[in-house]
């Protein structure tokens, strides 16, 4: 069940980031667009692999996603959004390693 919660939270986080992108300054939008697309791509990989293989999700993973989700909710400036997206990408790459 943790894997479902994790995937759901990631999807919601990406949707929130896309919403924040729309209100970001135009000068930040190109960088944000690239990074959000990278995050979406990694999410798609995790989702597809989780359908085929087992995704091992720990309580720590869920806790970290909740922390990232709060960070997403609280970021306001283009720089904060960009930093949050980069943190989420790195974390998601770690999740990819847990698919067996």
Protein backbone atom coordinates (compact mmCIF):
# COMPACT_ATOMS: atom_id res chain seq x y z
CA UNK A 1 0.00 0.00 0.00
CA UNK A 2 2.91 2.36 0.63
CA UNK A 3 3.78 2.24 -3.07
CA UNK A 4 0.31 3.50 -4.00
CA UNK A 5 0.51 6.33 -1.47
CA UNK A 6 3.96 7.27 -2.68
CA UNK A 7 2.98 7.34 -6.35
CA UNK A 8 -0.15 9.31 -5.54
CA UNK A 9 1.83 11.90 -3.55
CA UNK A 10 4.41 12.29 -6.29
CA UNK A 11 1.68 12.85 -8.88
CA UNK A 12 -0.02 15.44 -6.68
CA UNK A 13 3.31 17.16 -6.07
CA UNK A 14 4.01 17.42 -9.80
CA UNK A 15 0.54 18.87 -10.39
CA UNK A 16 1.17 21.47 -7.69
CA UNK A 17 4.57 22.37 -9.19
CA UNK A 18 2.96 22.83 -12.61
CA UNK A 19 0.44 25.16 -11.01
CA UNK A 20 3.22 27.17 -9.36
CA UNK A 21 5.08 27.27 -12.68
CA UNK A 22 2.18 29.18 -14.22
CA UNK A 23 2.53 31.97 -11.67
CA UNK A 24 6.35 32.07 -11.73
CA UNK A 25 8.14 35.05 -13.26
CA UNK A 26 8.69 34.71 -17.01
CA UNK A 27 12.46 34.86 -16.46
CA UNK A 28 12.28 31.58 -14.49
CA UNK A 29 9.82 29.67 -16.65
CA UNK A 30 12.25 28.10 -19.11
CA UNK A 31 14.45 26.60 -16.38
CA UNK A 32 11.42 25.49 -14.39
CA UNK A 33 9.79 23.91 -17.41
CA UNK A 34 12.89 21.83 -18.14
CA UNK A 35 13.24 20.64 -14.53
CA UNK A 36 9.55 19.89 -14.06
CA UNK A 37 9.62 17.88 -17.28
CA UNK A 38 12.61 15.90 -15.94
CA UNK A 39 10.69 15.21 -12.74
CA UNK A 40 7.62 14.11 -14.71
CA UNK A 41 9.76 11.82 -16.83
CA UNK A 42 11.32 10.16 -13.78
CA UNK A 43 7.88 9.77 -12.23
CA UNK A 44 6.66 8.03 -15.40
CA UNK A 45 9.62 5.63 -15.19
CA UNK A 46 8.88 4.78 -11.57
CA UNK A 47 5.18 4.34 -12.30
CA UNK A 48 5.77 2.08 -15.32
CA UNK A 49 8.36 -0.03 -13.53
CA UNK A 50 6.10 -0.36 -10.49
CA UNK A 51 3.48 -1.98 -12.70
CA UNK A 52 5.96 -4.61 -13.86
CA UNK A 53 8.11 -5.12 -10.78
CA UNK A 54 7.95 -4.71 -7.03
CA UNK A 55 8.53 -1.24 -5.67
CA UNK A 56 9.94 -1.40 -2.18
CA UNK A 57 8.71 1.63 -0.29
CA UNK A 58 9.62 2.19 3.32
CA UNK A 59 7.93 4.39 5.87
CA UNK A 60 10.97 6.66 5.56
CA UNK A 61 10.24 7.06 1.83
CA UNK A 62 6.67 8.08 2.58
CA UNK A 63 7.87 10.49 5.28
CA UNK A 64 10.38 12.04 2.87
CA UNK A 65 7.69 12.45 0.21
CA UNK A 66 5.47 14.19 2.76
CA UNK A 67 8.37 16.52 3.59
CA UNK A 68 8.91 17.24 -0.09
CA UNK A 69 5.18 17.82 -0.55
CA UNK A 70 5.26 20.44 2.22
CA UNK A 71 8.28 22.01 0.56
CA UNK A 72 6.35 22.08 -2.73
CA UNK A 73 3.35 23.66 -1.02
CA UNK A 74 5.51 26.34 0.60
CA UNK A 75 7.81 27.32 -2.26
CA UNK A 76 6.93 30.65 -3.81
CA UNK A 77 9.81 32.12 -5.76
CA UNK A 78 11.22 30.72 -8.96
CA UNK A 79 14.45 29.82 -7.17
CA UNK A 80 12.57 27.98 -4.40
CA UNK A 81 10.48 26.07 -6.93
CA UNK A 82 13.59 25.13 -8.91
CA UNK A 83 15.42 23.93 -5.78
CA UNK A 84 12.39 21.87 -4.72
CA UNK A 85 12.10 20.26 -8.15
CA UNK A 86 15.79 19.35 -8.11
CA UNK A 87 15.43 17.82 -4.63
CA UNK A 88 12.42 15.82 -5.79
CA UNK A 89 14.30 14.53 -8.85
CA UNK A 90 17.22 13.33 -6.74
CA UNK A 91 14.86 11.66 -4.30
CA UNK A 92 12.92 10.01 -7.11
CA UNK A 93 16.14 8.66 -8.63
CA UNK A 94 16.76 6.99 -5.27
CA UNK A 95 13.30 5.42 -5.43
CA UNK A 96 14.12 4.01 -8.87
CA UNK A 97 16.97 2.05 -7.28
CA UNK A 98 14.46 0.29 -5.02
CA UNK A 99 12.51 -1.35 -7.80
CA UNK A 100 13.38 -5.01 -7.99
